[in-house]
Amino acid sequence: VIVNPEDKDGNIVLSLTQAEVDRDWEEAERNLQSGEIFEASVTNHN
């Protein structure tokens, strides 16, 4: 993901982790459309 098209040194700054988050959102949207169920662990509560 492009974080900054041009920083003060003229570099294009990228993010790998934001791209992974973007991929997870796409997967969540696919699950919403398909109705697929999955198993996951609870890490916290409110």
All heavy atoms as atom14 arrays in JSON, in Angstrom:
{
  "sequence": "VIVNPEDKDGNIVLSLTQAEVDRDWEEAERNLQSGEIFEASVTNHN",
  "atom14_mask": [
    [1, 1, 1, 1, 1, 1, 1, 0, 0, 0, 0, 0, 0, 0],
    [1, 1, 1, 1, 1, 1, 1, 1, 0, 0, 0, 0, 0, 0],
    [1, 1, 1, 1, 1, 1, 1, 0, 0, 0, 0, 0, 0, 0],
    [1, 1, 1, 1, 1, 1, 1, 1, 0, 0, 0, 0, 0, 0],
    [1, 1, 1, 1, 1, 1, 1, 0, 0, 0, 0, 0, 0, 0],
    [1, 1, 1, 1, 1, 1, 1, 1, 1, 0, 0, 0, 0, 0],
    [1, 1, 1, 1, 1, 1, 1, 1, 0, 0, 0, 0, 0, 0],
    [1, 1, 1, 1, 1, 1, 1, 1, 1, 0, 0, 0, 0, 0],
    [1, 1, 1, 1, 1, 1, 1, 1, 0, 0, 0, 0, 0, 0],
    [1, 1, 1, 1, 0, 0, 0, 0, 0, 0, 0, 0, 0, 0],
    [1, 1, 1, 1, 1, 1, 1, 1, 0, 0, 0, 0, 0, 0],
    [1, 1, 1, 1, 1, 1, 1, 1, 0, 0, 0, 0, 0, 0],
    [1, 1, 1, 1, 1, 1, 1, 0, 0, 0, 0, 0, 0, 0],
    [1, 1, 1, 1, 1, 1, 1, 1, 0, 0, 0, 0, 0, 0],
    [1, 1, 1, 1, 1, 1, 0, 0, 0, 0, 0, 0, 0, 0],
    [1, 1, 1, 1, 1, 1, 1, 1, 0, 0, 0, 0, 0, 0],
    [1, 1, 1, 1, 1, 1, 1, 0, 0, 0, 0, 0, 0, 0],
    [1, 1, 1, 1, 1, 1, 1, 1, 1, 0, 0, 0, 0, 0],
    [1, 1, 1, 1, 1, 0, 0, 0, 0, 0, 0, 0, 0, 0],
    [1, 1, 1, 1, 1, 1, 1, 1, 1, 0, 0, 0, 0, 0],
    [1, 1, 1, 1, 1, 1, 1, 0, 0, 0, 0, 0, 0, 0],
    [1, 1, 1, 1, 1, 1, 1, 1, 0, 0, 0, 0, 0, 0],
    [1, 1, 1, 1, 1, 1, 1, 1, 1, 1, 1, 0, 0, 0],
    [1, 1, 1, 1, 1, 1, 1, 1, 0, 0, 0, 0, 0, 0],
    [1, 1, 1, 1, 1, 1, 1, 1, 1, 1, 1, 1, 1, 1],
    [1, 1, 1, 1, 1, 1, 1, 1, 1, 0, 0, 0, 0, 0],
    [1, 1, 1, 1, 1, 1, 1, 1, 1, 0, 0, 0, 0, 0],
    [1, 1, 1, 1, 1, 0, 0, 0, 0, 0, 0, 0, 0, 0],
    [1, 1, 1, 1, 1, 1, 1, 1, 1, 0, 0, 0, 0, 0],
    [1, 1, 1, 1, 1, 1, 1, 1, 1, 1, 1, 0, 0, 0],
    [1, 1, 1, 1, 1, 1, 1, 1, 0, 0, 0, 0, 0, 0],
    [1, 1, 1, 1, 1, 1, 1, 1, 0, 0, 0, 0, 0, 0],
    [1, 1, 1, 1, 1, 1, 1, 1, 1, 0, 0, 0, 0, 0],
    [1, 1, 1, 1, 1, 1, 0, 0, 0, 0, 0, 0, 0, 0],
    [1, 1, 1, 1, 0, 0, 0, 0, 0, 0, 0, 0, 0, 0],
    [1, 1, 1, 1, 1, 1, 1, 1, 1, 0, 0, 0, 0, 0],
    [1, 1, 1, 1, 1, 1, 1, 1, 0, 0, 0, 0, 0, 0],
    [1, 1, 1, 1, 1, 1, 1, 1, 1, 1, 1, 0, 0, 0],
    [1, 1, 1, 1, 1, 1, 1, 1, 1, 0, 0, 0, 0, 0],
    [1, 1, 1, 1, 1, 0, 0, 0, 0, 0, 0, 0, 0, 0],
    [1, 1, 1, 1, 1, 1, 0, 0, 0, 0, 0, 0, 0, 0],
    [1, 1, 1, 1, 1, 1, 1, 0, 0, 0, 0, 0, 0, 0],
    [1, 1, 1, 1, 1, 1, 1, 0, 0, 0, 0, 0, 0, 0],
    [1, 1, 1, 1, 1, 1, 1, 1, 0, 0, 0, 0, 0, 0],
    [1, 1, 1, 1, 1, 1, 1, 1, 1, 1, 0, 0, 0, 0],
    [1, 1, 1, 1, 1, 1, 1, 1, 0, 0, 0, 0, 0, 0]
  ],
  "atom14_positions": [
    [[0.86, -1.19, 0.0], [0.0, 0.0, 0.0], [0.89, 1.23, 0.0], [1.89, 1.29, 0.73], [-0.94, 0.01, 1.23], [-1.65, 1.35, 1.36], [-1.96, -1.12, 1.13], [0.0, 0.0, 0.0], [0.0, 0.0, 0.0], [0.0, 0.0, 0.0], [0.0, 0.0, 0.0], [0.0, 0.0, 0.0], [0.0, 0.0, 0.0], [0.0, 0.0, 0.0]],
    [[0.55, 2.22, -0.82], [1.32, 3.47, -0.87], [1.0, 4.29, 0.38], [-0.14, 4.72, 0.58], [0.98, 4.29, -2.13], [1.17, 3.46, -3.4], [1.82, 5.57, -2.17], [2.59, 3.07, -3.69], [0.0, 0.0, 0.0], [0.0, 0.0, 0.0], [0.0, 0.0, 0.0], [0.0, 0.0, 0.0], [0.0, 0.0, 0.0], [0.0, 0.0, 0.0]],
    [[2.0, 4.47, 1.23], [1.84, 5.29, 2.43], [2.13, 6.76, 2.12], [1.44, 7.67, 2.59], [2.79, 4.8, 3.56], [2.69, 5.71, 4.78], [2.45, 3.36, 3.93], [0.0, 0.0, 0.0], [0.0, 0.0, 0.0], [0.0, 0.0, 0.0], [0.0, 0.0, 0.0], [0.0, 0.0, 0.0], [0.0, 0.0, 0.0], [0.0, 0.0, 0.0]],
    [[3.15, 6.98, 1.29], [3.52, 8.34, 0.89], [4.1, 8.26, -0.53], [5.1, 7.6, -0.76], [4.56, 8.92, 1.85], [4.83, 10.4, 1.6], [4.47, 10.94, 0.56], [5.48, 11.06, 2.56], [0.0, 0.0, 0.0], [0.0, 0.0, 0.0], [0.0, 0.0, 0.0], [0.0, 0.0, 0.0], [0.0, 0.0, 0.0], [0.0, 0.0, 0.0]],
    [[3.45, 8.92, -1.51], [3.96, 8.86, -2.89], [5.35, 9.48, -3.04], [6.08, 9.13, -3.96], [2.93, 9.65, -3.7], [1.72, 9.7, -2.83], [2.21, 9.69, -1.42], [0.0, 0.0, 0.0], [0.0, 0.0, 0.0], [0.0, 0.0, 0.0], [0.0, 0.0, 0.0], [0.0, 0.0, 0.0], [0.0, 0.0, 0.0], [0.0, 0.0, 0.0]],
    [[5.72, 10.38, -2.14], [7.05, 11.0, -2.19], [7.36, 11.63, -0.84], [6.75, 12.63, -0.46], [7.12, 12.05, -3.29], [8.51, 12.62, -3.48], [8.6, 13.58, -4.66], [7.56, 13.8, -5.33], [9.69, 14.12, -4.92], [0.0, 0.0, 0.0], [0.0, 0.0, 0.0], [0.0, 0.0, 0.0], [0.0, 0.0, 0.0], [0.0, 0.0, 0.0]],
    [[8.32, 11.04, -0.11], [8.7, 11.62, 1.17], [9.74, 12.72, 0.94], [10.04, 13.1, -0.2], [9.22, 10.54, 2.13], [10.53, 9.91, 1.66], [11.1, 10.38, 0.64], [10.99, 8.96, 2.3], [0.0, 0.0, 0.0], [0.0, 0.0, 0.0], [0.0, 0.0, 0.0], [0.0, 0.0, 0.0], [0.0, 0.0, 0.0], [0.0, 0.0, 0.0]],
    [[10.32, 13.25, 2.04], [11.25, 14.38, 1.91], [12.52, 14.02, 1.14], [13.21, 14.88, 0.62], [11.63, 14.9, 3.3], [12.27, 13.87, 4.21], [12.54, 14.46, 5.59], [13.14, 13.44, 6.53], [14.45, 12.92, 6.09], [0.0, 0.0, 0.0], [0.0, 0.0, 0.0], [0.0, 0.0, 0.0], [0.0, 0.0, 0.0], [0.0, 0.0, 0.0]],
    [[12.8, 12.71, 1.07], [13.98, 12.26, 0.32], [13.62, 11.81, -1.09], [14.48, 11.31, -1.83], [14.65, 11.09, 1.06], [15.15, 11.5, 2.44], [15.7, 12.62, 2.54], [14.99, 10.73, 3.39], [0.0, 0.0, 0.0], [0.0, 0.0, 0.0], [0.0, 0.0, 0.0], [0.0, 0.0, 0.0], [0.0, 0.0, 0.0], [0.0, 0.0, 0.0]],
    [[12.35, 11.98, -1.48], [11.92, 11.61, -2.81], [11.57, 10.14, -2.97], [11.37, 9.68, -4.1], [0.0, 0.0, 0.0], [0.0, 0.0, 0.0], [0.0, 0.0, 0.0], [0.0, 0.0, 0.0], [0.0, 0.0, 0.0], [0.0, 0.0, 0.0], [0.0, 0.0, 0.0], [0.0, 0.0, 0.0], [0.0, 0.0, 0.0], [0.0, 0.0, 0.0]],
    [[11.49, 9.4, -1.87], [11.18, 7.98, -1.93], [9.68, 7.72, -1.9], [8.91, 8.48, -1.31], [11.81, 7.24, -0.74], [13.33, 7.33, -0.75], [13.95, 7.19, -1.8], [13.91, 7.55, 0.41], [0.0, 0.0, 0.0], [0.0, 0.0, 0.0], [0.0, 0.0, 0.0], [0.0, 0.0, 0.0], [0.0, 0.0, 0.0], [0.0, 0.0, 0.0]],
    [[9.27, 6.64, -2.54], [7.9, 6.16, -2.43], [7.86, 5.22, -1.22], [8.55, 4.19, -1.21], [7.46, 5.4, -3.69], [7.57, 6.28, -4.92], [6.03, 4.88, -3.53], [7.3, 5.55, -6.23], [0.0, 0.0, 0.0], [0.0, 0.0, 0.0], [0.0, 0.0, 0.0], [0.0, 0.0, 0.0], [0.0, 0.0, 0.0], [0.0, 0.0, 0.0]],
    [[7.1, 5.58, -0.2], [7.05, 4.8, 1.03], [5.91, 3.79, 0.95], [4.76, 4.16, 0.66], [6.88, 5.72, 2.26], [6.9, 4.88, 3.54], [7.98, 6.77, 2.29], [0.0, 0.0, 0.0], [0.0, 0.0, 0.0], [0.0, 0.0, 0.0], [0.0, 0.0, 0.0], [0.0, 0.0, 0.0], [0.0, 0.0, 0.0], [0.0, 0.0, 0.0]],
    [[6.22, 2.53, 1.23], [5.26, 1.44, 1.12], [4.99, 0.8, 2.47], [5.77, 0.92, 3.4], [5.8, 0.37, 0.16], [6.26, 0.8, -1.22], [6.87, -0.37, -1.96], [5.1, 1.39, -2.01], [0.0, 0.0, 0.0], [0.0, 0.0, 0.0], [0.0, 0.0, 0.0], [0.0, 0.0, 0.0], [0.0, 0.0, 0.0], [0.0, 0.0, 0.0]],
    [[3.86, 0.1, 2.53], [3.52, -0.69, 3.72], [3.1, -2.09, 3.29], [2.24, -2.25, 2.41], [2.38, -0.03, 4.51], [1.94, -0.89, 5.55], [0.0, 0.0, 0.0], [0.0, 0.0, 0.0], [0.0, 0.0, 0.0], [0.0, 0.0, 0.0], [0.0, 0.0, 0.0], [0.0, 0.0, 0.0], [0.0, 0.0, 0.0], [0.0, 0.0, 0.0]],
    [[3.71, -3.09, 3.9], [3.31, -4.47, 3.67], [2.17, -4.87, 4.6], [1.27, -5.61, 4.21], [4.51, -5.41, 3.89], [5.67, -5.26, 2.9], [6.85, -6.11, 3.35], [5.23, -5.67, 1.5], [0.0, 0.0, 0.0], [0.0, 0.0, 0.0], [0.0, 0.0, 0.0], [0.0, 0.0, 0.0], [0.0, 0.0, 0.0], [0.0, 0.0, 0.0]],
    [[2.2, -4.38, 5.85], [1.18, -4.78, 6.82], [-0.19, -4.2, 6.45], [-1.21, -4.87, 6.61], [1.57, -4.32, 8.24], [1.82, -2.9, 8.24], [2.82, -5.03, 8.72], [0.0, 0.0, 0.0], [0.0, 0.0, 0.0], [0.0, 0.0, 0.0], [0.0, 0.0, 0.0], [0.0, 0.0, 0.0], [0.0, 0.0, 0.0], [0.0, 0.0, 0.0]],
    [[-0.22, -2.97, 5.94], [-1.5, -2.4, 5.52], [-2.09, -3.19, 4.35], [-3.31, -3.32, 4.24], [-1.33, -0.94, 5.13], [-1.14, 0.01, 6.3], [-1.17, 1.47, 5.88], [-1.86, 1.84, 4.95], [-0.4, 2.29, 6.58], [0.0, 0.0, 0.0], [0.0, 0.0, 0.0], [0.0, 0.0, 0.0], [0.0, 0.0, 0.0], [0.0, 0.0, 0.0]],
    [[-1.2, -3.71, 3.5], [-1.69, -4.53, 2.39], [-2.3, -5.83, 2.91], [-3.29, -6.32, 2.36], [-0.54, -4.84, 1.43], [0.0, 0.0, 0.0], [0.0, 0.0, 0.0], [0.0, 0.0, 0.0], [0.0, 0.0, 0.0], [0.0, 0.0, 0.0], [0.0, 0.0, 0.0], [0.0, 0.0, 0.0], [0.0, 0.0, 0.0], [0.0, 0.0, 0.0]],
    [[-1.72, -6.4, 3.97], [-2.28, -7.6, 4.57], [-3.65, -7.31, 5.18], [-4.57, -8.13, 5.08], [-1.33, -8.15, 5.64], [-0.04, -8.74, 5.07], [-0.31, -9.93, 4.17], [-1.22, -10.71, 4.46], [0.4, -10.07, 3.15], [0.0, 0.0, 0.0], [0.0, 0.0, 0.0], [0.0, 0.0, 0.0], [0.0, 0.0, 0.0], [0.0, 0.0, 0.0]],
    [[-3.77, -6.15, 5.82], [-5.07, -5.76, 6.37], [-6.1, -5.62, 5.26], [-7.25, -6.06, 5.39], [-4.94, -4.43, 7.17], [-6.31, -3.9, 7.54], [-4.09, -4.65, 8.41], [0.0, 0.0, 0.0], [0.0, 0.0, 0.0], [0.0, 0.0, 0.0], [0.0, 0.0, 0.0], [0.0, 0.0, 0.0], [0.0, 0.0, 0.0], [0.0, 0.0, 0.0]],
    [[-5.68, -5.01, 4.14], [-6.58, -4.86, 2.99], [-7.03, -6.23, 2.49], [-8.2, -6.42, 2.15], [-5.85, -4.1, 1.88], [-6.73, -3.87, 0.66], [-7.6, -2.98, 0.72], [-6.57, -4.59, -0.34], [0.0, 0.0, 0.0], [0.0, 0.0, 0.0], [0.0, 0.0, 0.0], [0.0, 0.0, 0.0], [0.0, 0.0, 0.0], [0.0, 0.0, 0.0]],
    [[-6.11, -7.19, 2.46], [-6.46, -8.54, 2.01], [-7.45, -9.2, 2.98], [-8.36, -9.91, 2.57], [-5.19, -9.39, 1.9], [-5.44, -10.79, 1.35], [-4.16, -11.59, 1.23], [-3.38, -11.16, 0.09], [-2.22, -10.5, 0.16], [-1.72, -10.19, 1.34], [-1.56, -10.16, -0.93], [0.0, 0.0, 0.0], [0.0, 0.0, 0.0], [0.0, 0.0, 0.0]],
    [[-7.28, -8.94, 4.29], [-8.2, -9.5, 5.29], [-9.6, -8.92, 5.13], [-10.6, -9.63, 5.3], [-7.67, -9.24, 6.7], [-6.45, -10.08, 7.04], [-6.26, -11.12, 6.37], [-5.69, -9.71, 7.94], [0.0, 0.0, 0.0], [0.0, 0.0, 0.0], [0.0, 0.0, 0.0], [0.0, 0.0, 0.0], [0.0, 0.0, 0.0], [0.0, 0.0, 0.0]],
    [[-9.69, -7.62, 4.79], [-11.01, -7.03, 4.54], [-11.66, -7.68, 3.32], [-12.87, -7.94, 3.32], [-10.88, -5.52, 4.33], [-10.8, -4.71, 5.59], [-9.76, -3.97, 6.03], [-11.83, -4.57, 6.58], [-10.06, -3.37, 7.23], [-11.33, -3.71, 7.59], [-13.12, -5.07, 6.71], [-12.07, -3.36, 8.72], [-13.87, -4.71, 7.84], [-13.35, -3.87, 8.82]],
    [[-10.87, -7.92, 2.3], [-11.42, -8.57, 1.1], [-11.93, -9.97, 1.44], [-12.97, -10.41, 0.95], [-10.35, -8.64, 0.01], [-9.98, -7.28, -0.57], [-8.87, -7.38, -1.6], [-8.33, -8.5, -1.78], [-8.53, -6.35, -2.22], [0.0, 0.0, 0.0], [0.0, 0.0, 0.0], [0.0, 0.0, 0.0], [0.0, 0.0, 0.0], [0.0, 0.0, 0.0]],
    [[-11.18, -10.69, 2.28], [-11.6, -12.03, 2.68], [-12.88, -11.98, 3.51], [-13.78, -12.82, 3.34], [-10.48, -12.69, 3.5], [-10.78, -14.11, 3.97], [-10.9, -15.1, 2.83], [-10.38, -14.82, 1.73], [-11.51, -16.16, 3.05], [0.0, 0.0, 0.0], [0.0, 0.0, 0.0], [0.0, 0.0, 0.0], [0.0, 0.0, 0.0], [0.0, 0.0, 0.0]],
    [[-12.98, -10.97, 4.39], [-14.2, -10.81, 5.19], [-15.41, -10.52, 4.29], [-16.51, -11.05, 4.51], [-14.02, -9.68, 6.21], [0.0, 0.0, 0.0], [0.0, 0.0, 0.0], [0.0, 0.0, 0.0], [0.0, 0.0, 0.0], [0.0, 0.0, 0.0], [0.0, 0.0, 0.0], [0.0, 0.0, 0.0], [0.0, 0.0, 0.0], [0.0, 0.0, 0.0]],
    [[-15.21, -9.71, 3.26], [-16.3, -9.4, 2.32], [-16.71, -10.64, 1.54], [-17.9, -10.86, 1.28], [-15.87, -8.28, 1.39], [-15.78, -6.92, 2.09], [-15.07, -5.86, 1.26], [-14.47, -6.24, 0.22], [-15.12, -4.67, 1.63], [0.0, 0.0, 0.0], [0.0, 0.0, 0.0], [0.0, 0.0, 0.0], [0.0, 0.0, 0.0], [0.0, 0.0, 0.0]],
    [[-15.72, -11.48, 1.17], [-16.05, -12.74, 0.48], [-16.84, -13.67, 1.4], [-17.8, -14.33, 0.96], [-14.77, -13.43, 0.0], [-14.18, -12.82, -1.26], [-13.12, -13.71, -1.86], [-11.94, -13.82, -1.02], [-10.89, -13.01, -1.1], [-10.88, -12.05, -2.0], [-9.86, -13.18, -0.31], [0.0, 0.0, 0.0], [0.0, 0.0, 0.0], [0.0, 0.0, 0.0]],
    [[-16.45, -13.74, 2.68], [-17.17, -14.58, 3.63], [-18.6, -14.09, 3.83], [-19.53, -14.89, 3.99], [-16.44, -14.61, 4.98], [-15.21, -15.49, 4.96], [-15.05, -16.31, 4.06], [-14.34, -15.32, 5.93], [0.0, 0.0, 0.0], [0.0, 0.0, 0.0], [0.0, 0.0, 0.0], [0.0, 0.0, 0.0], [0.0, 0.0, 0.0], [0.0, 0.0, 0.0]],
    [[-18.77, -12.77, 3.83], [-20.11, -12.21, 3.97], [-20.99, -12.64, 2.79], [-22.16, -12.99, 2.97], [-20.04, -10.68, 4.06], [-21.37, -9.94, 4.14], [-22.09, -10.29, 5.44], [-21.16, -8.43, 4.05], [0.0, 0.0, 0.0], [0.0, 0.0, 0.0], [0.0, 0.0, 0.0], [0.0, 0.0, 0.0], [0.0, 0.0, 0.0], [0.0, 0.0, 0.0]],
    [[-20.43, -12.6, 1.59], [-21.19, -12.96, 0.4], [-21.46, -14.46, 0.32], [-22.55, -14.89, -0.07], [-20.43, -12.52, -0.87], [-20.27, -11.01, -1.0], [-21.61, -10.29, -1.09], [-22.54, -10.77, -1.74], [-21.72, -9.13, -0.45], [0.0, 0.0, 0.0], [0.0, 0.0, 0.0], [0.0, 0.0, 0.0], [0.0, 0.0, 0.0], [0.0, 0.0, 0.0]],
    [[-20.48, -15.27, 0.72], [-20.61, -16.72, 0.59], [-21.36, -17.35, 1.76], [-21.91, -18.45, 1.63], [-19.23, -17.37, 0.48], [-18.5, -17.23, 1.7], [0.0, 0.0, 0.0], [0.0, 0.0, 0.0], [0.0, 0.0, 0.0], [0.0, 0.0, 0.0], [0.0, 0.0, 0.0], [0.0, 0.0, 0.0], [0.0, 0.0, 0.0], [0.0, 0.0, 0.0]],
    [[-21.38, -16.66, 2.91], [-22.02, -17.24, 4.1], [-21.19, -18.32, 4.76], [-21.69, -19.08, 5.6], [0.0, 0.0, 0.0], [0.0, 0.0, 0.0], [0.0, 0.0, 0.0], [0.0, 0.0, 0.0], [0.0, 0.0, 0.0], [0.0, 0.0, 0.0], [0.0, 0.0, 0.0], [0.0, 0.0, 0.0], [0.0, 0.0, 0.0], [0.0, 0.0, 0.0]],
    [[-19.92, -18.4, 4.42], [-19.05, -19.42, 5.0], [-18.87, -19.2, 6.49], [-18.75, -18.06, 6.96], [-17.69, -19.39, 4.3], [-16.7, -20.42, 4.8], [-15.37, -20.36, 4.07], [-15.3, -19.64, 3.05], [-14.42, -21.01, 4.52], [0.0, 0.0, 0.0], [0.0, 0.0, 0.0], [0.0, 0.0, 0.0], [0.0, 0.0, 0.0], [0.0, 0.0, 0.0]],
    [[-18.86, -20.28, 7.28], [-18.62, -20.18, 8.71], [-17.19, -20.63, 9.01], [-16.59, -21.38, 8.24], [-19.64, -21.01, 9.53], [-19.5, -22.49, 9.23], [-21.05, -20.52, 9.26], [-20.4, -23.36, 10.11], [0.0, 0.0, 0.0], [0.0, 0.0, 0.0], [0.0, 0.0, 0.0], [0.0, 0.0, 0.0], [0.0, 0.0, 0.0], [0.0, 0.0, 0.0]],
    [[-16.64, -20.15, 10.12], [-15.27, -20.47, 10.48], [-15.14, -20.48, 12.0], [-16.01, -20.0, 12.73], [-14.3, -19.45, 9.87], [-14.57, -18.03, 10.29], [-13.94, -17.46, 11.37], [-15.49, -17.25, 9.58], [-14.2, -16.16, 11.75], [-15.76, -15.95, 9.95], [-15.12, -15.39, 11.04], [0.0, 0.0, 0.0], [0.0, 0.0, 0.0], [0.0, 0.0, 0.0]],
    [[-14.04, -21.03, 12.48], [-13.78, -21.12, 13.91], [-12.66, -20.17, 14.29], [-11.65, -20.09, 13.59], [-13.41, -22.56, 14.27], [-13.54, -22.9, 15.74], [-13.32, -24.37, 16.02], [-12.68, -25.04, 15.2], [-13.8, -24.86, 17.06], [0.0, 0.0, 0.0], [0.0, 0.0, 0.0], [0.0, 0.0, 0.0], [0.0, 0.0, 0.0], [0.0, 0.0, 0.0]],
    [[-12.84, -19.44, 15.38], [-11.83, -18.49, 15.84], [-11.91, -18.37, 17.36], [-12.93, -18.69, 17.97], [-12.02, -17.12, 15.19], [0.0, 0.0, 0.0], [0.0, 0.0, 0.0], [0.0, 0.0, 0.0], [0.0, 0.0, 0.0], [0.0, 0.0, 0.0], [0.0, 0.0, 0.0], [0.0, 0.0, 0.0], [0.0, 0.0, 0.0], [0.0, 0.0, 0.0]],
    [[-10.81, -17.92, 17.97], [-10.71, -17.84, 19.43], [-11.02, -16.45, 19.95], [-10.62, -15.44, 19.34], [-9.3, -18.24, 19.88], [-9.01, -19.58, 19.54], [0.0, 0.0, 0.0], [0.0, 0.0, 0.0], [0.0, 0.0, 0.0], [0.0, 0.0, 0.0], [0.0, 0.0, 0.0], [0.0, 0.0, 0.0], [0.0, 0.0, 0.0], [0.0, 0.0, 0.0]],
    [[-11.71, -16.37, 21.07], [-12.01, -15.11, 21.74], [-10.76, -14.64, 22.47], [-10.14, -15.4, 23.21], [-13.18, -15.28, 22.73], [-13.43, -13.98, 23.5], [-14.43, -15.74, 22.01], [0.0, 0.0, 0.0], [0.0, 0.0, 0.0], [0.0, 0.0, 0.0], [0.0, 0.0, 0.0], [0.0, 0.0, 0.0], [0.0, 0.0, 0.0], [0.0, 0.0, 0.0]],
    [[-10.39, -13.37, 22.26], [-9.2, -12.83, 22.92], [-9.53, -11.8, 24.0], [-8.7, -11.54, 24.87], [-8.27, -12.17, 21.9], [-9.0, -11.13, 21.2], [-7.75, -13.19, 20.89], [0.0, 0.0, 0.0], [0.0, 0.0, 0.0], [0.0, 0.0, 0.0], [0.0, 0.0, 0.0], [0.0, 0.0, 0.0], [0.0, 0.0, 0.0], [0.0, 0.0, 0.0]],
    [[-10.75, -11.23, 23.98], [-11.09, -10.21, 24.96], [-12.6, -10.05, 24.98], [-13.32, -10.6, 24.16], [-10.42, -8.88, 24.61], [-10.19, -8.0, 25.82], [-10.8, -8.21, 26.87], [-9.31, -7.02, 25.69], [0.0, 0.0, 0.0], [0.0, 0.0, 0.0], [0.0, 0.0, 0.0], [0.0, 0.0, 0.0], [0.0, 0.0, 0.0], [0.0, 0.0, 0.0]],
    [[-13.08, -9.25, 25.94], [-14.52, -8.99, 26.02], [-14.75, -7.6, 26.58], [-13.86, -6.98, 27.17], [-15.21, -10.03, 26.92], [-15.01, -9.78, 28.38], [-13.82, -10.03, 29.04], [-15.86, -9.28, 29.33], [-13.94, -9.72, 30.31], [-15.16, -9.26, 30.52], [0.0, 0.0, 0.0], [0.0, 0.0, 0.0], [0.0, 0.0, 0.0], [0.0, 0.0, 0.0]],
    [[-15.93, -7.07, 26.36], [-16.38, -5.86, 27.02], [-17.84, -6.06, 27.39], [-18.39, -7.15, 27.21], [-16.16, -4.61, 26.13], [-16.84, -4.74, 24.77], [-17.93, -5.32, 24.66], [-16.2, -4.22, 23.73], [0.0, 0.0, 0.0], [0.0, 0.0, 0.0], [0.0, 0.0, 0.0], [0.0, 0.0, 0.0], [0.0, 0.0, 0.0], [0.0, 0.0, 0.0]]
  ]
}
